[in-house]
Every structure is written in structure tokens, then in C-alpha cells.
Amino acid sequence: MMTGLILAVARAAGEVAPLMLVGVVKLAPALPVDGNYPYFHLDQKFMHLGFHIYDVGFQSPNVEAARPLVFATALLLVLVIALLNQLAVSIRNRLREKYKALDI
């Protein structure tokens, strides 16, 4: 169940449409994370990497000049999703080893 939950979060990191309903904006001037308690502010808006790729790649007046930024953003999004998937695999393996002794 833990692996499925983490893989679902990784998939959601790549999906733009559901996140558009919960707070994605075209430009977020500040991160929703800062040094003030409770440190993670869910009431602040945020920008999604997938929406950033669409916005810069297709809505920019000079698409050729924006192409390196689109590639860099796409690479960052792929790396974040790969990192979340690797985290899921490592947690699954650690829990499998931990509870292996409980199997009868």
C-alpha cells in the first residue's frame, strides 16, 4: 500500500489538470514553503512544472528562444518523478525486509 501511495504521488506530480483545480497559477512570486510556522502554507498558490512547460513552450512569443528553458524544465520534471519512483522502491524494499520475519 505504501508503494502504491508513493507511486500515485509521483504520477500526480506529472499530471497538470487535477492540480489546476487546487491552486496552480501562471506565475507564483513565492514558494509556499518558508521559515515561518507551519513552514508549509497550503493557502498560497504555486506553479506546476508541467504547466510551466506548456506556458513557456506554446504561449511564448519567441518559441525558439524559450526552447532551452522548456527542455530544462522537462528534464527537471522527469528527474523529480524518477526520484519519487526510486523513493517508492527503496521504501518498499526496506519495509519488505523489516516485515519479512513476521511472515509465517
PDB file of N, CA and C in Angstrom:
ATOM      1  N   MET A   1       0.818  -1.184   0.000  1.00  0.00           N
ATOM      2  CA  MET A   1       0.000   0.000   0.000  1.00  0.00           C
ATOM      3  C   MET A   1       0.867   1.254   0.000  1.00  0.00           C
ATOM      4  N   MET A   2       1.977   1.186   0.719  1.00  0.00           N
ATOM      5  CA  MET A   2       2.870   2.342   0.798  1.00  0.00           C
ATOM      6  C   MET A   2       3.453   2.659  -0.577  1.00  0.00           C
ATOM      7  N   THR A   3       3.872   1.630  -1.293  1.00  0.00           N
ATOM      8  CA  THR A   3       4.432   1.835  -2.625  1.00  0.00           C
ATOM      9  C   THR A   3       3.385   2.418  -3.557  1.00  0.00           C
ATOM     10  N   GLY A   4       2.180   1.914  -3.493  1.00  0.00           N
ATOM     11  CA  GLY A   4       1.106   2.439  -4.335  1.00  0.00           C
ATOM     12  C   GLY A   4       0.814   3.896  -4.045  1.00  0.00           C
ATOM     13  N   LEU A   5       0.868   4.276  -2.786  1.00  0.00           N
ATOM     14  CA  LEU A   5       0.640   5.670  -2.407  1.00  0.00           C
ATOM     15  C   LEU A   5       1.732   6.572  -2.962  1.00  0.00           C
ATOM     16  N   ILE A   6       2.974   6.164  -2.833  1.00  0.00           N
ATOM     17  CA  ILE A   6       4.080   6.988  -3.314  1.00  0.00           C
ATOM     18  C   ILE A   6       4.081   7.047  -4.832  1.00  0.00           C
ATOM     19  N   LEU A   7       3.783   5.939  -5.496  1.00  0.00           N
ATOM     20  CA  LEU A   7       3.700   5.964  -6.955  1.00  0.00           C
ATOM     21  C   LEU A   7       2.541   6.840  -7.436  1.00  0.00           C
ATOM     22  N   ALA A   8       1.458   6.863  -6.679  1.00  0.00           N
ATOM     23  CA  ALA A   8       0.346   7.751  -7.030  1.00  0.00           C
ATOM     24  C   ALA A   8       0.757   9.214  -6.890  1.00  0.00           C
ATOM     25  N   VAL A   9       1.540   9.535  -5.871  1.00  0.00           N
ATOM     26  CA  VAL A   9       2.036  10.903  -5.711  1.00  0.00           C
ATOM     27  C   VAL A   9       2.982  11.247  -6.851  1.00  0.00           C
ATOM     28  N   ALA A  10       3.816  10.301  -7.270  1.00  0.00           N
ATOM     29  CA  ALA A  10       4.723  10.546  -8.393  1.00  0.00           C
ATOM     30  C   ALA A  10       3.948  10.765  -9.680  1.00  0.00           C
ATOM     31  N   ARG A  11       2.897  10.012  -9.866  1.00  0.00           N
ATOM     32  CA  ARG A  11       2.089  10.219 -11.074  1.00  0.00           C
ATOM     33  C   ARG A  11       1.382  11.561 -11.016  1.00  0.00           C
ATOM     34  N   ALA A  12       0.892  11.918  -9.846  1.00  0.00           N
ATOM     35  CA  ALA A  12       0.223  13.210  -9.692  1.00  0.00           C
ATOM     36  C   ALA A  12       1.187  14.363  -9.917  1.00  0.00           C
ATOM     37  N   ALA A  13       2.462  14.137  -9.654  1.00  0.00           N
ATOM     38  CA  ALA A  13       3.455  15.194  -9.896  1.00  0.00           C
ATOM     39  C   ALA A  13       3.573  15.501 -11.378  1.00  0.00           C
ATOM     40  N   GLY A  14       3.264  14.532 -12.215  1.00  0.00           N
ATOM     41  CA  GLY A  14       3.335  14.749 -13.649  1.00  0.00           C
ATOM     42  C   GLY A  14       2.027  15.181 -14.275  1.00  0.00           C
ATOM     43  N   GLU A  15       0.943  15.092 -13.535  1.00  0.00           N
ATOM     44  CA  GLU A  15      -0.365  15.465 -14.060  1.00  0.00           C
ATOM     45  C   GLU A  15      -0.640  16.935 -13.767  1.00  0.00           C
ATOM     46  N   VAL A  16      -1.108  17.653 -14.753  1.00  0.00           N
ATOM     47  CA  VAL A  16      -1.359  19.078 -14.584  1.00  0.00           C
ATOM     48  C   VAL A  16      -2.829  19.361 -14.297  1.00  0.00           C
ATOM     49  N   ALA A  17      -3.735  18.694 -14.988  1.00  0.00           N
ATOM     50  CA  ALA A  17      -5.158  19.029 -14.903  1.00  0.00           C
ATOM     51  C   ALA A  17      -5.714  18.967 -13.474  1.00  0.00           C
ATOM     52  N   PRO A  18      -5.459  17.894 -12.693  1.00  0.00           N
ATOM     53  CA  PRO A  18      -6.008  17.895 -11.327  1.00  0.00           C
ATOM     54  C   PRO A  18      -5.414  19.003 -10.456  1.00  0.00           C
ATOM     55  N   LEU A  19      -4.158  19.317 -10.685  1.00  0.00           N
ATOM     56  CA  LEU A  19      -3.528  20.345  -9.862  1.00  0.00           C
ATOM     57  C   LEU A  19      -3.999  21.745 -10.225  1.00  0.00           C
ATOM     58  N   MET A  20      -4.512  21.921 -11.440  1.00  0.00           N
ATOM     59  CA  MET A  20      -5.049  23.225 -11.820  1.00  0.00           C
ATOM     60  C   MET A  20      -6.256  23.573 -10.946  1.00  0.00           C
ATOM     61  N   LEU A  21      -6.934  22.564 -10.448  1.00  0.00           N
ATOM     62  CA  LEU A  21      -8.110  22.798  -9.616  1.00  0.00           C
ATOM     63  C   LEU A  21      -7.763  23.160  -8.176  1.00  0.00           C
ATOM     64  N   VAL A  22      -6.541  22.870  -7.742  1.00  0.00           N
ATOM     65  CA  VAL A  22      -6.204  23.069  -6.331  1.00  0.00           C
ATOM     66  C   VAL A  22      -5.181  24.163  -6.078  1.00  0.00           C
ATOM     67  N   GLY A  23      -4.862  24.985  -7.070  1.00  0.00           N
ATOM     68  CA  GLY A  23      -4.021  26.119  -6.738  1.00  0.00           C
ATOM     69  C   GLY A  23      -2.926  26.472  -7.701  1.00  0.00           C
ATOM     70  N   VAL A  24      -2.822  25.840  -8.848  1.00  0.00           N
ATOM     71  CA  VAL A  24      -1.760  26.176  -9.794  1.00  0.00           C
ATOM     72  C   VAL A  24      -2.092  27.510 -10.453  1.00  0.00           C
ATOM     73  N   VAL A  25      -1.102  28.377 -10.523  1.00  0.00           N
ATOM     74  CA  VAL A  25      -1.266  29.668 -11.179  1.00  0.00           C
ATOM     75  C   VAL A  25      -0.186  29.827 -12.238  1.00  0.00           C
ATOM     76  N   LYS A  26      -0.354  30.834 -13.095  1.00  0.00           N
ATOM     77  CA  LYS A  26       0.607  31.055 -14.169  1.00  0.00           C
ATOM     78  C   LYS A  26       1.944  31.544 -13.633  1.00  0.00           C
ATOM     79  N   LEU A  27       1.924  32.372 -12.615  1.00  0.00           N
ATOM     80  CA  LEU A  27       3.149  32.893 -12.041  1.00  0.00           C
ATOM     81  C   LEU A  27       2.990  32.963 -10.533  1.00  0.00           C
ATOM     82  N   ALA A  28       3.842  32.266  -9.810  1.00  0.00           N
ATOM     83  CA  ALA A  28       3.826  32.298  -8.350  1.00  0.00           C
ATOM     84  C   ALA A  28       5.081  33.040  -7.885  1.00  0.00           C
ATOM     85  N   PRO A  29       4.931  34.214  -7.292  1.00  0.00           N
ATOM     86  CA  PRO A  29       6.096  35.005  -6.914  1.00  0.00           C
ATOM     87  C   PRO A  29       6.891  34.420  -5.750  1.00  0.00           C
ATOM     88  N   ALA A  30       6.274  33.561  -4.948  1.00  0.00           N
ATOM     89  CA  ALA A  30       6.970  32.995  -3.787  1.00  0.00           C
ATOM     90  C   ALA A  30       6.578  31.535  -3.627  1.00  0.00           C
ATOM     91  N   LEU A  31       7.468  30.768  -3.028  1.00  0.00           N
ATOM     92  CA  LEU A  31       7.171  29.362  -2.746  1.00  0.00           C
ATOM     93  C   LEU A  31       6.223  29.245  -1.560  1.00  0.00           C
ATOM     94  N   PRO A  32       5.403  28.186  -1.504  1.00  0.00           N
ATOM     95  CA  PRO A  32       4.524  28.011  -0.348  1.00  0.00           C
ATOM     96  C   PRO A  32       5.270  27.479   0.873  1.00  0.00           C
ATOM     97  N   VAL A  33       6.588  27.380   0.799  1.00  0.00           N
ATOM     98  CA  VAL A  33       7.409  26.899   1.910  1.00  0.00           C
ATOM     99  C   VAL A  33       8.301  28.045   2.359  1.00  0.00           C
ATOM    100  N   ASP A  34       8.308  28.311   3.675  1.00  0.00           N
ATOM    101  CA  ASP A  34       9.204  29.344   4.201  1.00  0.00           C
ATOM    102  C   ASP A  34       9.597  28.997   5.628  1.00  0.00           C
ATOM    103  N   GLY A  35      10.250  29.918   6.305  1.00  0.00           N
ATOM    104  CA  GLY A  35      10.756  29.664   7.650  1.00  0.00           C
ATOM    105  C   GLY A  35       9.769  29.970   8.749  1.00  0.00           C
ATOM    106  N   ASN A  36       8.561  30.406   8.411  1.00  0.00           N
ATOM    107  CA  ASN A  36       7.547  30.736   9.415  1.00  0.00           C
ATOM    108  C   ASN A  36       6.639  29.541   9.662  1.00  0.00           C
ATOM    109  N   TYR A  37       6.306  29.334  10.934  1.00  0.00           N
ATOM    110  CA  TYR A  37       5.417  28.233  11.295  1.00  0.00           C
ATOM    111  C   TYR A  37       4.104  28.382  10.579  1.00  0.00           C
ATOM    112  N   PRO A  38       3.514  27.406   9.999  1.00  0.00           N
ATOM    113  CA  PRO A  38       3.739  25.972   9.956  1.00  0.00           C
ATOM    114  C   PRO A  38       4.660  25.522   8.818  1.00  0.00           C
ATOM    115  N   TYR A  39       5.467  26.380   8.281  1.00  0.00           N
ATOM    116  CA  TYR A  39       6.517  26.099   7.296  1.00  0.00           C
ATOM    117  C   TYR A  39       5.996  25.742   5.905  1.00  0.00           C
ATOM    118  N   PHE A  40       4.862  25.102   5.809  1.00  0.00           N
ATOM    119  CA  PHE A  40       4.288  24.746   4.510  1.00  0.00           C
ATOM    120  C   PHE A  40       2.878  25.311   4.482  1.00  0.00           C
ATOM    121  N   HIS A  41       2.655  26.318   3.665  1.00  0.00           N
ATOM    122  CA  HIS A  41       1.389  27.051   3.652  1.00  0.00           C
ATOM    123  C   HIS A  41       0.535  26.588   2.470  1.00  0.00           C
ATOM    124  N   LEU A  42      -0.503  25.850   2.784  1.00  0.00           N
ATOM    125  CA  LEU A  42      -1.367  25.299   1.748  1.00  0.00           C
ATOM    126  C   LEU A  42      -2.292  26.347   1.144  1.00  0.00           C
ATOM    127  N   ASP A  43      -2.387  27.515   1.762  1.00  0.00           N
ATOM    128  CA  ASP A  43      -3.265  28.554   1.238  1.00  0.00           C
ATOM    129  C   ASP A  43      -2.594  29.395   0.152  1.00  0.00           C
ATOM    130  N   GLN A  44      -1.289  29.246  -0.055  1.00  0.00           N
ATOM    131  CA  GLN A  44      -0.587  30.004  -1.083  1.00  0.00           C
ATOM    132  C   GLN A  44      -0.654  29.278  -2.421  1.00  0.00           C
ATOM    133  N   LYS A  45      -0.644  30.047  -3.488  1.00  0.00           N
ATOM    134  CA  LYS A  45      -0.674  29.485  -4.834  1.00  0.00           C
ATOM    135  C   LYS A  45       0.714  28.976  -5.208  1.00  0.00           C
ATOM    136  N   PHE A  46       0.787  28.067  -6.176  1.00  0.00           N
ATOM    137  CA  PHE A  46       2.061  27.523  -6.630  1.00  0.00           C
ATOM    138  C   PHE A  46       2.017  27.337  -8.132  1.00  0.00           C
ATOM    139  N   MET A  47       3.186  27.127  -8.734  1.00  0.00           N
ATOM    140  CA  MET A  47       3.297  26.924 -10.176  1.00  0.00           C
ATOM    141  C   MET A  47       3.740  25.485 -10.428  1.00  0.00           C
ATOM    142  N   HIS A  48       3.097  24.811 -11.363  1.00  0.00           N
ATOM    143  CA  HIS A  48       3.404  23.420 -11.679  1.00  0.00           C
ATOM    144  C   HIS A  48       4.375  23.371 -12.852  1.00  0.00           C
ATOM    145  N   LEU A  49       5.325  22.449 -12.799  1.00  0.00           N
ATOM    146  CA  LEU A  49       6.327  22.363 -13.861  1.00  0.00           C
ATOM    147  C   LEU A  49       5.700  22.009 -15.208  1.00  0.00           C
ATOM    148  N   GLY A  50       4.704  21.147 -15.214  1.00  0.00           N
ATOM    149  CA  GLY A  50       4.043  20.790 -16.469  1.00  0.00           C
ATOM    150  C   GLY A  50       3.329  21.981 -17.097  1.00  0.00           C
ATOM    151  N   PHE A  51       2.694  22.784 -16.266  1.00  0.00           N
ATOM    152  CA  PHE A  51       2.043  23.989 -16.777  1.00  0.00           C
ATOM    153  C   PHE A  51       3.085  25.001 -17.244  1.00  0.00           C
ATOM    154  N   HIS A  52       4.227  25.047 -16.560  1.00  0.00           N
ATOM    155  CA  HIS A  52       5.308  25.942 -16.975  1.00  0.00           C
ATOM    156  C   HIS A  52       5.832  25.546 -18.354  1.00  0.00           C
ATOM    157  N   ILE A  53       5.948  24.256 -18.619  1.00  0.00           N
ATOM    158  CA  ILE A  53       6.393  23.782 -19.924  1.00  0.00           C
ATOM    159  C   ILE A  53       5.410  24.225 -21.003  1.00  0.00           C
ATOM    160  N   TYR A  54       4.123  24.048 -20.737  1.00  0.00           N
ATOM    161  CA  TYR A  54       3.107  24.465 -21.709  1.00  0.00           C
ATOM    162  C   TYR A  54       3.150  25.978 -21.916  1.00  0.00           C
ATOM    163  N   ASP A  55       3.213  26.709 -20.826  1.00  0.00           N
ATOM    164  CA  ASP A  55       3.149  28.164 -20.909  1.00  0.00           C
ATOM    165  C   ASP A  55       4.348  28.740 -21.656  1.00  0.00           C
ATOM    166  N   VAL A  56       5.541  28.297 -21.313  1.00  0.00           N
ATOM    167  CA  VAL A  56       6.743  28.824 -21.963  1.00  0.00           C
ATOM    168  C   VAL A  56       6.872  28.288 -23.387  1.00  0.00           C
ATOM    169  N   GLY A  57       6.558  27.035 -23.589  1.00  0.00           N
ATOM    170  CA  GLY A  57       6.754  26.423 -24.894  1.00  0.00           C
ATOM    171  C   GLY A  57       5.755  26.834 -25.953  1.00  0.00           C
ATOM    172  N   PHE A  58       4.505  27.063 -25.548  1.00  0.00           N
ATOM    173  CA  PHE A  58       3.467  27.318 -26.538  1.00  0.00           C
ATOM    174  C   PHE A  58       2.874  28.721 -26.479  1.00  0.00           C
ATOM    175  N   GLN A  59       3.032  29.408 -25.371  1.00  0.00           N
ATOM    176  CA  GLN A  59       2.444  30.730 -25.239  1.00  0.00           C
ATOM    177  C   GLN A  59       3.476  31.851 -25.364  1.00  0.00           C
ATOM    178  N   SER A  60       4.740  31.496 -25.473  1.00  0.00           N
ATOM    179  CA  SER A  60       5.801  32.495 -25.586  1.00  0.00           C
ATOM    180  C   SER A  60       5.820  33.086 -26.990  1.00  0.00           C
ATOM    181  N   PRO A  61       6.073  34.396 -27.118  1.00  0.00           N
ATOM    182  CA  PRO A  61       6.133  34.989 -28.455  1.00  0.00           C
ATOM    183  C   PRO A  61       7.344  34.511 -29.263  1.00  0.00           C
ATOM    184  N   ASN A  62       8.432  34.165 -28.591  1.00  0.00           N
ATOM    185  CA  ASN A  62       9.625  33.679 -29.275  1.00  0.00           C
ATOM    186  C   ASN A  62       9.896  32.247 -28.810  1.00  0.00           C
ATOM    187  N   VAL A  63       9.331  31.292 -29.515  1.00  0.00           N
ATOM    188  CA  VAL A  63       9.416  29.891 -29.111  1.00  0.00           C
ATOM    189  C   VAL A  63      10.848  29.377 -29.206  1.00  0.00           C
ATOM    190  N   GLU A  64      11.590  29.799 -30.197  1.00  0.00           N
ATOM    191  CA  GLU A  64      12.969  29.322 -30.366  1.00  0.00           C
ATOM    192  C   GLU A  64      13.866  29.754 -29.206  1.00  0.00           C
ATOM    193  N   ALA A  65      13.666  30.958 -28.705  1.00  0.00           N
ATOM    194  CA  ALA A  65      14.474  31.424 -27.578  1.00  0.00           C
ATOM    195  C   ALA A  65      14.086  30.709 -26.287  1.00  0.00           C
ATOM    196  N   ALA A  66      12.840  30.269 -26.179  1.00  0.00           N
ATOM    197  CA  ALA A  66      12.360  29.606 -24.965  1.00  0.00           C
ATOM    198  C   ALA A  66      12.639  28.110 -24.958  1.00  0.00           C
ATOM    199  N   ARG A  67      13.086  27.553 -26.082  1.00  0.00           N
ATOM    200  CA  ARG A  67      13.280  26.108 -26.181  1.00  0.00           C
ATOM    201  C   ARG A  67      14.236  25.540 -25.125  1.00  0.00           C
ATOM    202  N   PRO A  68      15.405  26.159 -24.829  1.00  0.00           N
ATOM    203  CA  PRO A  68      16.266  25.601 -23.777  1.00  0.00           C
ATOM    204  C   PRO A  68      15.596  25.581 -22.405  1.00  0.00           C
ATOM    205  N   LEU A  69      14.802  26.593 -22.102  1.00  0.00           N
ATOM    206  CA  LEU A  69      14.092  26.625 -20.826  1.00  0.00           C
ATOM    207  C   LEU A  69      13.043  25.512 -20.753  1.00  0.00           C
ATOM    208  N   VAL A  70      12.372  25.241 -21.863  1.00  0.00           N
ATOM    209  CA  VAL A  70      11.383  24.162 -21.905  1.00  0.00           C
ATOM    210  C   VAL A  70      12.067  22.816 -21.697  1.00  0.00           C
ATOM    211  N   PHE A  71      13.203  22.602 -22.357  1.00  0.00           N
ATOM    212  CA  PHE A  71      13.928  21.341 -22.188  1.00  0.00           C
ATOM    213  C   PHE A  71      14.439  21.176 -20.756  1.00  0.00           C
ATOM    214  N   ALA A  72      14.939  22.247 -20.171  1.00  0.00           N
ATOM    215  CA  ALA A  72      15.433  22.179 -18.791  1.00  0.00           C
ATOM    216  C   ALA A  72      14.293  21.898 -17.814  1.00  0.00           C
ATOM    217  N   THR A  73      13.155  22.518 -18.020  1.00  0.00           N
ATOM    218  CA  THR A  73      12.002  22.279 -17.147  1.00  0.00           C
ATOM    219  C   THR A  73      11.497  20.850 -17.304  1.00  0.00           C
ATOM    220  N   ALA A  74      11.458  20.344 -18.538  1.00  0.00           N
ATOM    221  CA  ALA A  74      11.018  18.964 -18.763  1.00  0.00           C
ATOM    222  C   ALA A  74      11.980  17.973 -18.112  1.00  0.00           C
ATOM    223  N   LEU A  75      13.270  18.246 -18.207  1.00  0.00           N
ATOM    224  CA  LEU A  75      14.251  17.376 -17.560  1.00  0.00           C
ATOM    225  C   LEU A  75      14.075  17.392 -16.046  1.00  0.00           C
ATOM    226  N   LEU A  76      13.848  18.556 -15.473  1.00  0.00           N
ATOM    227  CA  LEU A  76      13.626  18.659 -14.034  1.00  0.00           C
ATOM    228  C   LEU A  76      12.382  17.888 -13.614  1.00  0.00           C
ATOM    229  N   LEU A  77      11.312  17.988 -14.395  1.00  0.00           N
ATOM    230  CA  LEU A  77      10.083  17.255 -14.079  1.00  0.00           C
ATOM    231  C   LEU A  77      10.311  15.750 -14.146  1.00  0.00           C
ATOM    232  N   VAL A  78      11.024  15.289 -15.163  1.00  0.00           N
ATOM    233  CA  VAL A  78      11.323  13.855 -15.281  1.00  0.00           C
ATOM    234  C   VAL A  78      12.192  13.389 -14.109  1.00  0.00           C
ATOM    235  N   LEU A  79      13.159  14.201 -13.706  1.00  0.00           N
ATOM    236  CA  LEU A  79      14.022  13.833 -12.577  1.00  0.00           C
ATOM    237  C   LEU A  79      13.243  13.770 -11.266  1.00  0.00           C
ATOM    238  N   VAL A  80      12.320  14.696 -11.053  1.00  0.00           N
ATOM    239  CA  VAL A  80      11.511  14.663  -9.832  1.00  0.00           C
ATOM    240  C   VAL A  80      10.655  13.406  -9.799  1.00  0.00           C
ATOM    241  N   ILE A  81      10.035  13.066 -10.916  1.00  0.00           N
ATOM    242  CA  ILE A  81       9.195  11.860 -10.967  1.00  0.00           C
ATOM    243  C   ILE A  81      10.043  10.605 -10.788  1.00  0.00           C
ATOM    244  N   ALA A  82      11.216  10.558 -11.417  1.00  0.00           N
ATOM    245  CA  ALA A  82      12.113   9.401 -11.247  1.00  0.00           C
ATOM    246  C   ALA A  82      12.578   9.287  -9.798  1.00  0.00           C
ATOM    247  N   LEU A  83      12.852  10.411  -9.159  1.00  0.00           N
ATOM    248  CA  LEU A  83      13.274  10.399  -7.753  1.00  0.00           C
ATOM    249  C   LEU A  83      12.146   9.884  -6.854  1.00  0.00           C
ATOM    250  N   LEU A  84      10.921  10.315  -7.105  1.00  0.00           N
ATOM    251  CA  LEU A  84       9.802   9.817  -6.313  1.00  0.00           C
ATOM    252  C   LEU A  84       9.576   8.323  -6.531  1.00  0.00           C
ATOM    253  N   ASN A  85       9.735   7.849  -7.763  1.00  0.00           N
ATOM    254  CA  ASN A  85       9.593   6.413  -8.023  1.00  0.00           C
ATOM    255  C   ASN A  85      10.706   5.618  -7.352  1.00  0.00           C
ATOM    256  N   GLN A  86      11.931   6.134  -7.370  1.00  0.00           N
ATOM    257  CA  GLN A  86      13.038   5.451  -6.706  1.00  0.00           C
ATOM    258  C   GLN A  86      12.827   5.425  -5.195  1.00  0.00           C
ATOM    259  N   LEU A  87      12.301   6.507  -4.655  1.00  0.00           N
ATOM    260  CA  LEU A  87      11.973   6.546  -3.228  1.00  0.00           C
ATOM    261  C   LEU A  87      10.937   5.485  -2.887  1.00  0.00           C
ATOM    262  N   ALA A  88       9.942   5.320  -3.741  1.00  0.00           N
ATOM    263  CA  ALA A  88       8.915   4.303  -3.504  1.00  0.00           C
ATOM    264  C   ALA A  88       9.508   2.899  -3.502  1.00  0.00           C
ATOM    265  N   VAL A  89      10.397   2.630  -4.428  1.00  0.00           N
ATOM    266  CA  VAL A  89      11.024   1.304  -4.496  1.00  0.00           C
ATOM    267  C   VAL A  89      11.879   1.057  -3.258  1.00  0.00           C
ATOM    268  N   SER A  90      12.641   2.047  -2.827  1.00  0.00           N
ATOM    269  CA  SER A  90      13.501   1.854  -1.654  1.00  0.00           C
ATOM    270  C   SER A  90      12.677   1.676  -0.380  1.00  0.00           C
ATOM    271  N   ILE A  91      11.593   2.430  -0.233  1.00  0.00           N
ATOM    272  CA  ILE A  91      10.736   2.253   0.943  1.00  0.00           C
ATOM    273  C   ILE A  91      10.080   0.882   0.924  1.00  0.00           C
ATOM    274  N   ARG A  92       9.629   0.448  -0.247  1.00  0.00           N
ATOM    275  CA  ARG A  92       9.019  -0.878  -0.347  1.00  0.00           C
ATOM    276  C   ARG A  92      10.010  -1.969   0.032  1.00  0.00           C
ATOM    277  N   ASN A  93      11.242  -1.876  -0.466  1.00  0.00           N
ATOM    278  CA  ASN A  93      12.251  -2.890  -0.139  1.00  0.00           C
ATOM    279  C   ASN A  93      12.605  -2.868   1.339  1.00  0.00           C
ATOM    280  N   ARG A  94      12.705  -1.684   1.919  1.00  0.00           N
ATOM    281  CA  ARG A  94      13.032  -1.587   3.345  1.00  0.00           C
ATOM    282  C   ARG A  94      11.915  -2.181   4.197  1.00  0.00           C
ATOM    283  N   LEU A  95      10.670  -1.891   3.854  1.00  0.00           N
ATOM    284  CA  LEU A  95       9.558  -2.451   4.617  1.00  0.00           C
ATOM    285  C   LEU A  95       9.418  -3.949   4.393  1.00  0.00           C
ATOM    286  N   ARG A  96       9.733  -4.407   3.195  1.00  0.00           N
ATOM    287  CA  ARG A  96       9.675  -5.840   2.912  1.00  0.00           C
ATOM    288  C   ARG A  96      10.685  -6.598   3.771  1.00  0.00           C
ATOM    289  N   GLU A  97      11.897  -6.054   3.894  1.00  0.00           N
ATOM    290  CA  GLU A  97      12.917  -6.690   4.734  1.00  0.00           C
ATOM    291  C   GLU A  97      12.546  -6.607   6.207  1.00  0.00           C
ATOM    292  N   LYS A  98      11.967  -5.492   6.622  1.00  0.00           N
ATOM    293  CA  LYS A  98      11.613  -5.311   8.020  1.00  0.00           C
ATOM    294  C   LYS A  98      10.536  -6.299   8.467  1.00  0.00           C
ATOM    295  N   TYR A  99       9.554  -6.531   7.611  1.00  0.00           N
ATOM    296  CA  TYR A  99       8.433  -7.389   7.981  1.00  0.00           C
ATOM    297  C   TYR A  99       8.552  -8.791   7.445  1.00  0.00           C
ATOM    298  N   LYS A 100       9.716  -9.136   6.889  1.00  0.00           N
ATOM    299  CA  LYS A 100       9.935 -10.496   6.373  1.00  0.00           C
ATOM    300  C   LYS A 100       9.912 -11.512   7.503  1.00  0.00           C
ATOM    301  N   ALA A 101      10.411 -11.124   8.679  1.00  0.00           N
ATOM    302  CA  ALA A 101      10.450 -12.034   9.821  1.00  0.00           C
ATOM    303  C   ALA A 101       9.056 -12.331  10.347  1.00  0.00           C
ATOM    304  N   LEU A 102       8.088 -11.496  10.047  1.00  0.00           N
ATOM    305  CA  LEU A 102       6.727 -11.721  10.543  1.00  0.00           C
ATOM    306  C   LEU A 102       5.944 -12.707   9.679  1.00  0.00           C
ATOM    307  N   ASP A 103       6.445 -13.007   8.479  1.00  0.00           N
ATOM    308  CA  ASP A 103       5.746 -13.965   7.613  1.00  0.00           C
ATOM    309  C   ASP A 103       5.818 -15.366   8.205  1.00  0.00           C
ATOM    310  N   ILE A 104       4.718 -16.043   8.079  1.00  0.00           N
ATOM    311  CA  ILE A 104       4.678 -17.418   8.624  1.00  0.00           C
ATOM    312  C   ILE A 104       4.666 -18.402   7.478  1.00  0.00           C
TER     313      ILE A 104
END
